[in-house]
């Protein structure tokens, strides 16, 4: 049986990024969005799950204020890096 791993943090970061695009002072092209997400994910701990139940638990835990704050802070830092050094 094949086991699929999923980093729940990826989903959380991409969702938060799309919700924050209007306030980020940087380019909104797809390449810049992916660069911002990559920088952000590299600065945050991974949250891997294997089962659907594990995913639900991780998402519920991620709703805690500290995770929201960590993701927002990392996104803002990453957006500044990408703004200062765009690759497009």
C-alpha atoms as a PDB file:
ATOM      1  CA  UNK A   1       0.000   0.000   0.000  1.00  0.00           C
ATOM      2  CA  UNK A   2       1.360   3.402  -0.976  1.00  0.00           C
ATOM      3  CA  UNK A   3       1.551   6.020   1.756  1.00  0.00           C
ATOM      4  CA  UNK A   4       1.130   9.629   0.711  1.00  0.00           C
ATOM      5  CA  UNK A   5       2.648  12.324   2.853  1.00  0.00           C
ATOM      6  CA  UNK A   6       1.307  15.846   2.933  1.00  0.00           C
ATOM      7  CA  UNK A   7       2.868  18.927   4.472  1.00  0.00           C
ATOM      8  CA  UNK A   8      -0.182  20.719   5.868  1.00  0.00           C
ATOM      9  CA  UNK A   9       1.930  23.855   6.303  1.00  0.00           C
ATOM     10  CA  UNK A  10       1.997  24.216   2.485  1.00  0.00           C
ATOM     11  CA  UNK A  11      -1.777  24.511   2.369  1.00  0.00           C
ATOM     12  CA  UNK A  12      -1.852  26.946   5.265  1.00  0.00           C
ATOM     13  CA  UNK A  13       0.874  29.138   3.750  1.00  0.00           C
ATOM     14  CA  UNK A  14      -0.716  29.261   0.281  1.00  0.00           C
ATOM     15  CA  UNK A  15      -4.144  30.065   1.754  1.00  0.00           C
ATOM     16  CA  UNK A  16      -2.708  32.825   3.932  1.00  0.00           C
ATOM     17  CA  UNK A  17      -0.648  34.188   1.026  1.00  0.00           C
ATOM     18  CA  UNK A  18      -3.723  34.467  -1.202  1.00  0.00           C
ATOM     19  CA  UNK A  19      -5.633  36.177   1.607  1.00  0.00           C
ATOM     20  CA  UNK A  20      -2.787  38.666   2.145  1.00  0.00           C
ATOM     21  CA  UNK A  21      -1.882  39.483  -1.478  1.00  0.00           C
ATOM     22  CA  UNK A  22      -3.769  42.767  -1.406  1.00  0.00           C
ATOM     23  CA  UNK A  23      -1.619  44.080   1.471  1.00  0.00           C
ATOM     24  CA  UNK A  24       1.769  42.777   0.336  1.00  0.00           C
ATOM     25  CA  UNK A  25       3.831  45.501  -1.274  1.00  0.00           C
ATOM     26  CA  UNK A  26       5.359  43.378  -4.018  1.00  0.00           C
ATOM     27  CA  UNK A  27       4.692  41.871  -7.418  1.00  0.00           C
ATOM     28  CA  UNK A  28       1.729  39.485  -7.501  1.00  0.00           C
ATOM     29  CA  UNK A  29       2.788  37.399 -10.501  1.00  0.00           C
ATOM     30  CA  UNK A  30       2.733  33.608 -10.146  1.00  0.00           C
ATOM     31  CA  UNK A  31       6.529  33.327 -10.017  1.00  0.00           C
ATOM     32  CA  UNK A  32       6.797  35.865  -7.191  1.00  0.00           C
ATOM     33  CA  UNK A  33       3.962  34.183  -5.284  1.00  0.00           C
ATOM     34  CA  UNK A  34       5.764  30.849  -5.505  1.00  0.00           C
ATOM     35  CA  UNK A  35       9.035  32.450  -4.401  1.00  0.00           C
ATOM     36  CA  UNK A  36       7.304  34.030  -1.405  1.00  0.00           C
ATOM     37  CA  UNK A  37       5.725  30.690  -0.509  1.00  0.00           C
ATOM     38  CA  UNK A  38       9.052  28.867  -0.850  1.00  0.00           C
ATOM     39  CA  UNK A  39      10.911  31.346   1.382  1.00  0.00           C
ATOM     40  CA  UNK A  40       8.080  31.186   3.893  1.00  0.00           C
ATOM     41  CA  UNK A  41       7.935  27.384   3.962  1.00  0.00           C
ATOM     42  CA  UNK A  42      11.704  27.186   4.421  1.00  0.00           C
ATOM     43  CA  UNK A  43      11.443  29.365   7.514  1.00  0.00           C
ATOM     44  CA  UNK A  44       8.590  27.441   9.170  1.00  0.00           C
ATOM     45  CA  UNK A  45       8.499  23.940  10.666  1.00  0.00           C
ATOM     46  CA  UNK A  46       6.935  21.256   8.478  1.00  0.00           C
ATOM     47  CA  UNK A  47       3.673  19.655   9.559  1.00  0.00           C
ATOM     48  CA  UNK A  48       3.504  16.314   7.761  1.00  0.00           C
ATOM     49  CA  UNK A  49       0.452  14.089   8.005  1.00  0.00           C
ATOM     50  CA  UNK A  50      -0.313  10.675   6.557  1.00  0.00           C
ATOM     51  CA  UNK A  51      -3.982  10.132   7.314  1.00  0.00           C
ATOM     52  CA  UNK A  52      -7.066  12.237   6.806  1.00  0.00           C
ATOM     53  CA  UNK A  53      -7.569  12.290  10.573  1.00  0.00           C
ATOM     54  CA  UNK A  54      -4.005  13.530  11.034  1.00  0.00           C
ATOM     55  CA  UNK A  55      -4.646  16.281   8.516  1.00  0.00           C
ATOM     56  CA  UNK A  56      -7.752  17.403  10.355  1.00  0.00           C
ATOM     57  CA  UNK A  57      -5.878  17.460  13.660  1.00  0.00           C
ATOM     58  CA  UNK A  58      -3.011  19.466  12.173  1.00  0.00           C
ATOM     59  CA  UNK A  59      -5.364  21.975  10.565  1.00  0.00           C
ATOM     60  CA  UNK A  60      -7.234  22.441  13.843  1.00  0.00           C
ATOM     61  CA  UNK A  61      -3.964  22.935  15.686  1.00  0.00           C
ATOM     62  CA  UNK A  62      -2.811  25.383  13.015  1.00  0.00           C
ATOM     63  CA  UNK A  63      -5.752  27.623  13.785  1.00  0.00           C
ATOM     64  CA  UNK A  64      -4.080  28.548  17.027  1.00  0.00           C
ATOM     65  CA  UNK A  65      -3.034  32.160  17.210  1.00  0.00           C
ATOM     66  CA  UNK A  66       0.693  31.401  17.333  1.00  0.00           C
ATOM     67  CA  UNK A  67       0.643  29.564  13.988  1.00  0.00           C
ATOM     68  CA  UNK A  68      -1.301  32.401  12.391  1.00  0.00           C
ATOM     69  CA  UNK A  69       1.210  34.897  13.735  1.00  0.00           C
ATOM     70  CA  UNK A  70       4.214  32.822  12.643  1.00  0.00           C
ATOM     71  CA  UNK A  71       2.860  32.351   9.117  1.00  0.00           C
ATOM     72  CA  UNK A  72       1.937  36.031   8.756  1.00  0.00           C
ATOM     73  CA  UNK A  73       5.336  37.196   9.992  1.00  0.00           C
ATOM     74  CA  UNK A  74       7.180  34.764   7.716  1.00  0.00           C
ATOM     75  CA  UNK A  75       5.072  35.822   4.714  1.00  0.00           C
ATOM     76  CA  UNK A  76       5.811  39.501   5.315  1.00  0.00           C
ATOM     77  CA  UNK A  77       9.553  38.805   5.579  1.00  0.00           C
ATOM     78  CA  UNK A  78       9.496  36.641   2.474  1.00  0.00           C
ATOM     79  CA  UNK A  79       7.553  39.229   0.471  1.00  0.00           C
ATOM     80  CA  UNK A  80      10.209  41.840   1.301  1.00  0.00           C
ATOM     81  CA  UNK A  81      12.986  39.514   0.123  1.00  0.00           C
ATOM     82  CA  UNK A  82      11.177  38.800  -3.138  1.00  0.00           C
ATOM     83  CA  UNK A  83      10.365  42.488  -3.632  1.00  0.00           C
ATOM     84  CA  UNK A  84      14.037  43.422  -3.158  1.00  0.00           C
ATOM     85  CA  UNK A  85      15.284  40.591  -5.409  1.00  0.00           C
ATOM     86  CA  UNK A  86      12.592  39.561  -7.932  1.00  0.00           C
ATOM     87  CA  UNK A  87      13.466  36.718 -10.316  1.00  0.00           C
ATOM     88  CA  UNK A  88      11.035  37.621 -13.107  1.00  0.00           C
END
